[in-house]
Protein backbone atom coordinates (compact mmCIF):
# COMPACT_ATOMS: atom_id res chain seq x y z
CA MET A 1 10.38 24.23 -5.15
CA ALA A 2 9.96 21.09 -3.06
CA HIS A 3 13.04 18.91 -2.61
CA GLY A 4 11.07 15.69 -2.91
CA ILE A 5 7.66 14.17 -3.65
CA ILE A 6 6.42 11.08 -1.81
CA LEU A 7 4.05 8.80 -3.75
CA ASN A 8 1.84 6.14 -2.24
CA SER A 9 2.62 3.82 -5.13
CA PHE A 10 5.35 1.40 -6.23
CA ILE A 11 7.31 0.66 -9.36
CA ASP A 12 5.64 -2.68 -10.16
CA LEU A 13 2.22 -0.99 -10.15
CA GLU A 14 3.08 2.10 -12.20
CA PRO A 15 6.48 1.51 -13.84
CA GLU A 16 6.08 3.91 -16.77
CA THR A 17 4.53 6.72 -14.73
CA ILE A 18 7.11 6.60 -11.96
CA LYS A 19 9.98 6.30 -14.42
CA TYR A 20 8.71 9.33 -16.35
CA LEU A 21 8.40 11.42 -13.18
CA GLN A 22 11.93 10.46 -12.18
CA GLU A 23 13.48 11.21 -15.56
CA ALA A 24 11.44 14.12 -16.93
CA TYR A 25 13.25 16.83 -14.96
CA ASN A 26 16.46 14.99 -14.03
CA ASN A 27 14.78 13.69 -10.89
CA LYS A 28 14.25 17.21 -9.51
CA PRO A 29 12.41 17.15 -7.21
CA LYS A 30 13.23 13.59 -6.25
CA ILE A 31 10.41 11.08 -6.49
CA TYR A 32 10.05 8.57 -3.66
CA SER A 33 7.56 5.77 -4.30
CA ILE A 34 7.07 4.28 -0.85
CA GLY A 35 3.83 2.35 -1.31
CA PRO A 36 1.74 0.46 -0.99
CA LEU A 37 0.64 2.03 2.30
CA THR A 38 -2.75 1.05 3.67
CA LEU A 39 -4.47 1.95 6.93
CA MET A 40 -5.93 -0.85 9.01
CA ASP A 41 -9.05 0.41 10.80
CA LYS A 42 -8.86 -0.52 14.47
CA LYS A 43 -12.51 0.29 15.05
CA ILE A 44 -14.43 -2.78 16.19
CA ASP A 45 -18.13 -2.15 16.74
CA ASP A 46 -21.24 -4.29 16.35
CA ASP A 47 -21.45 -3.80 12.57
CA VAL A 48 -17.79 -4.74 12.09
CA SER A 49 -18.13 -7.75 14.36
CA GLN A 50 -21.24 -8.89 12.45
CA CYS A 51 -19.44 -8.48 9.14
CA LEU A 52 -16.31 -10.42 10.11
CA THR A 53 -18.30 -13.11 11.91
CA TRP A 54 -20.36 -13.64 8.75
CA LEU A 55 -17.21 -13.88 6.64
CA ASP A 56 -15.77 -16.44 9.05
CA LYS A 57 -18.65 -18.77 8.15
CA GLN A 58 -18.14 -18.60 4.37
CA PRO A 59 -15.97 -20.96 2.28
CA ARG A 60 -12.51 -19.85 1.27
CA GLY A 61 -12.47 -17.42 -1.68
CA SER A 62 -16.24 -17.62 -2.16
CA VAL A 63 -17.39 -14.05 -1.39
CA ILE A 64 -17.38 -11.04 -3.70
CA TYR A 65 -17.14 -7.73 -1.86
CA ILE A 66 -18.93 -4.73 -3.40
CA SER A 67 -18.17 -1.19 -2.31
CA PHE A 68 -17.95 2.19 -4.05
CA GLY A 69 -15.61 3.82 -1.56
CA SER A 70 -16.19 6.63 0.89
CA GLY A 71 -17.71 8.94 -1.72
CA GLY A 72 -19.52 6.88 -4.35
CA THR A 73 -23.28 6.55 -4.76
CA LEU A 74 -25.57 5.01 -7.36
CA SER A 75 -29.00 5.96 -8.66
CA HIS A 76 -32.00 4.05 -7.34
CA GLU A 77 -32.38 2.33 -10.70
CA GLN A 78 -28.74 1.26 -10.58
CA ILE A 79 -29.08 -0.06 -7.03
CA ILE A 80 -31.97 -2.24 -8.20
CA GLU A 81 -29.96 -3.55 -11.16
CA LEU A 82 -26.94 -4.24 -8.96
CA ALA A 83 -28.93 -6.10 -6.33
CA ILE A 84 -30.81 -8.26 -8.82
CA GLY A 85 -27.61 -8.91 -10.76
CA LEU A 86 -25.92 -10.18 -7.61
CA GLU A 87 -28.91 -12.38 -6.86
CA MET A 88 -28.90 -13.76 -10.42
CA SER A 89 -25.19 -14.59 -10.20
CA GLY A 90 -25.76 -17.06 -7.38
CA GLN A 91 -22.50 -15.94 -5.74
CA ARG A 92 -21.96 -15.14 -2.09
CA PHE A 93 -21.62 -11.39 -1.61
CA LEU A 94 -20.91 -8.67 0.90
CA LEU A 95 -22.54 -5.45 -0.33
CA VAL A 96 -22.02 -1.96 1.08
CA ILE A 97 -24.86 0.31 0.02
CA ARG A 98 -25.74 3.99 0.46
CA CYS A 99 -28.88 5.97 -0.22
CA PRO A 100 -29.23 6.71 -3.94
CA ASN A 101 -28.28 9.86 -5.77
CA ASP A 102 -30.78 10.18 -8.61
CA ARG A 103 -29.36 13.30 -10.24
CA ILE A 104 -26.89 11.17 -12.22
CA PRO A 105 -26.44 7.37 -12.44
CA ASN A 106 -23.15 7.55 -10.53
CA GLY A 107 -22.87 10.38 -8.03
CA THR A 108 -21.03 11.34 -4.88
CA TYR A 109 -21.99 10.59 -1.31
CA PHE A 110 -20.65 13.94 -0.12
CA ASN A 111 -23.39 15.82 -1.99
CA ASN A 112 -26.14 13.41 -1.03
CA LYS A 113 -27.60 14.32 2.36
CA ASN A 114 -30.15 11.63 3.18
CA SER A 115 -31.03 10.17 6.58
CA THR A 116 -33.15 7.34 5.15
CA ASN A 117 -32.06 3.75 5.75
CA PRO A 118 -30.17 2.69 2.58
CA LEU A 119 -31.60 -0.82 2.84
CA ASP A 120 -35.05 0.61 2.08
CA PHE A 121 -33.95 1.17 -1.54
CA LEU A 122 -33.22 -2.49 -2.25
CA PRO A 123 -35.68 -4.53 -4.35
CA ILE A 124 -38.70 -5.78 -2.45
CA GLY A 125 -37.93 -9.16 -0.91
CA PHE A 126 -34.22 -9.02 -1.81
CA LEU A 127 -32.90 -9.34 1.73
CA GLU A 128 -35.19 -12.27 2.49
CA ARG A 129 -34.37 -14.09 -0.75
CA THR A 130 -30.61 -13.71 -0.33
CA LYS A 131 -30.23 -14.08 3.44
CA GLY A 132 -28.40 -17.38 3.02
CA LEU A 133 -26.21 -15.99 0.25
CA GLY A 134 -25.18 -12.46 1.12
CA LEU A 135 -24.83 -9.72 3.70
CA VAL A 136 -25.75 -6.07 3.10
CA LEU A 137 -24.21 -3.31 5.21
CA PRO A 138 -25.42 0.31 5.20
CA ASN A 139 -22.82 2.96 4.38
CA TRP A 140 -19.55 1.40 5.56
CA ALA A 141 -17.45 -1.75 6.03
CA PRO A 142 -13.95 -2.34 7.45
CA GLN A 143 -12.48 -2.64 3.97
CA VAL A 144 -8.90 -3.72 4.69
CA GLN A 145 -10.12 -6.37 7.11
CA VAL A 146 -12.67 -7.54 4.55
CA LEU A 147 -10.21 -7.71 1.66
CA SER A 148 -7.65 -9.56 3.77
CA HIS A 149 -10.21 -12.16 4.90
CA VAL A 150 -9.65 -15.66 3.56
CA SER A 151 -13.27 -16.02 2.39
CA VAL A 152 -13.12 -13.00 0.03
CA GLY A 153 -12.27 -13.95 -3.54
CA GLY A 154 -13.27 -10.85 -5.50
CA PHE A 155 -13.89 -7.11 -5.24
CA LEU A 156 -16.28 -5.00 -7.32
CA THR A 157 -14.74 -1.57 -6.92
CA HIS A 158 -15.08 2.05 -8.03
CA CYS A 159 -11.30 2.06 -8.66
CA GLY A 160 -10.37 4.67 -6.08
CA TRP A 161 -6.64 4.69 -5.35
CA ASN A 162 -6.86 3.45 -1.77
CA SER A 163 -9.10 0.58 -2.85
CA ILE A 164 -6.65 -0.35 -5.62
CA LEU A 165 -3.71 -0.45 -3.21
CA GLU A 166 -5.66 -2.44 -0.64
CA SER A 167 -6.80 -5.02 -3.17
CA VAL A 168 -3.28 -5.37 -4.63
CA VAL A 169 -1.79 -5.86 -1.16
CA CYS A 170 -4.38 -8.53 -0.39
CA GLY A 171 -4.16 -10.18 -3.81
CA VAL A 172 -7.88 -9.88 -4.57
CA PRO A 173 -8.99 -9.82 -8.26
CA LEU A 174 -11.30 -7.01 -9.31
CA ILE A 175 -14.30 -5.92 -11.31
CA ALA A 176 -13.78 -2.30 -12.36
CA TRP A 177 -16.77 0.04 -12.03
CA PRO A 178 -15.35 3.60 -12.08
CA LEU A 179 -17.72 6.42 -11.16
CA PHE A 180 -15.91 9.73 -11.66
CA ALA A 181 -12.61 11.65 -11.72
CA GLU A 182 -9.38 9.65 -12.08
CA GLN A 183 -11.20 6.39 -11.38
CA ARG A 184 -11.71 5.88 -15.12
CA THR A 185 -8.00 6.06 -15.91
CA ASN A 186 -7.30 3.84 -12.91
CA ALA A 187 -9.71 1.28 -14.36
CA VAL A 188 -7.88 1.28 -17.69
CA MET A 189 -4.62 0.58 -15.89
CA LEU A 190 -6.16 -2.31 -13.93
CA ILE A 191 -7.84 -3.87 -16.96
CA GLU A 192 -5.37 -3.29 -19.79
CA ASP A 193 -1.97 -2.91 -18.15
CA LEU A 194 -2.03 -4.97 -14.97
CA LYS A 195 -4.77 -7.36 -16.14
CA VAL A 196 -6.12 -7.81 -12.61
CA ALA A 197 -9.66 -6.58 -13.33
CA LEU A 198 -12.64 -7.41 -15.49
CA ARG A 199 -14.65 -4.73 -17.29
CA LEU A 200 -18.38 -4.03 -17.01
CA LYS A 201 -20.27 -2.81 -20.09
CA ILE A 202 -22.27 0.35 -19.46
CA ARG A 203 -25.44 1.13 -21.42
CA ASP A 204 -25.87 4.41 -23.29
CA ASN A 205 -28.02 5.69 -20.41
CA GLY A 206 -25.15 5.16 -17.94
CA ILE A 207 -26.69 2.09 -16.29
CA VAL A 208 -24.98 -1.28 -15.89
CA GLY A 209 -27.68 -3.91 -16.41
CA ARG A 210 -28.48 -6.83 -14.13
CA SER A 211 -27.53 -9.46 -16.71
CA GLU A 212 -24.13 -7.85 -17.30
CA ILE A 213 -23.50 -7.72 -13.55
CA SER A 214 -24.54 -11.34 -13.12
CA VAL A 215 -22.32 -12.61 -15.94
CA VAL A 216 -19.20 -10.65 -14.95
CA VAL A 217 -19.52 -11.46 -11.24
CA LYS A 218 -19.87 -15.15 -12.04
CA GLU A 219 -16.90 -15.00 -14.42
CA LEU A 220 -14.71 -13.38 -11.77
CA MET A 221 -15.65 -15.89 -9.08
CA GLU A 222 -15.88 -19.08 -11.16
CA GLY A 223 -14.46 -18.48 -14.64
CA GLU A 224 -11.03 -18.66 -16.20
CA GLU A 225 -10.68 -14.88 -16.54
CA GLY A 226 -11.08 -14.41 -12.81
CA LYS A 227 -8.16 -16.69 -11.96
């Protein structure tokens, strides 16, 4: 048996869970909660420079960042709804997008081998209509640097654990959009226990509609619940 287990978490985030793990077996093995630990990406290339330069030009707390982590993808229909919902909200946004996975509404990037430009799946005219409002990046963004930027005031997230820790460290309020695995239970914790996230309503077909996205994004960025 191991003599100890190290958790990338902390007592204020998961008090009941950590307490249970410590007490259930008389603290054997010992539980060490040493988080939150986040990794700052040192990679600075043209895409990163473009992203941070764009953020530098935006008002304080005005941008919502949208990313589904290193493994999350959406269906083409859902990408359309997300893009139009962001446009309808009238909020500044930084959107990370990947090629769609149309087998299920919310799939995984790891099983989606596609060399097509992800931007080709956006609604026709979307980039032109929103060029003064948002920035769209294919596949990846320097997330810790984005979340720690003064212009970012919200994060629409898939509720992966690293994303949760990074947003908590940076003090960024959330919209929870879990895709699979433990992300759903993470979302419940964020919404009901910690009360740092807003919930999106999902239709019976698994799609989050444009109107729902627009309303919740606007509430996070401008409303009382987002404060």
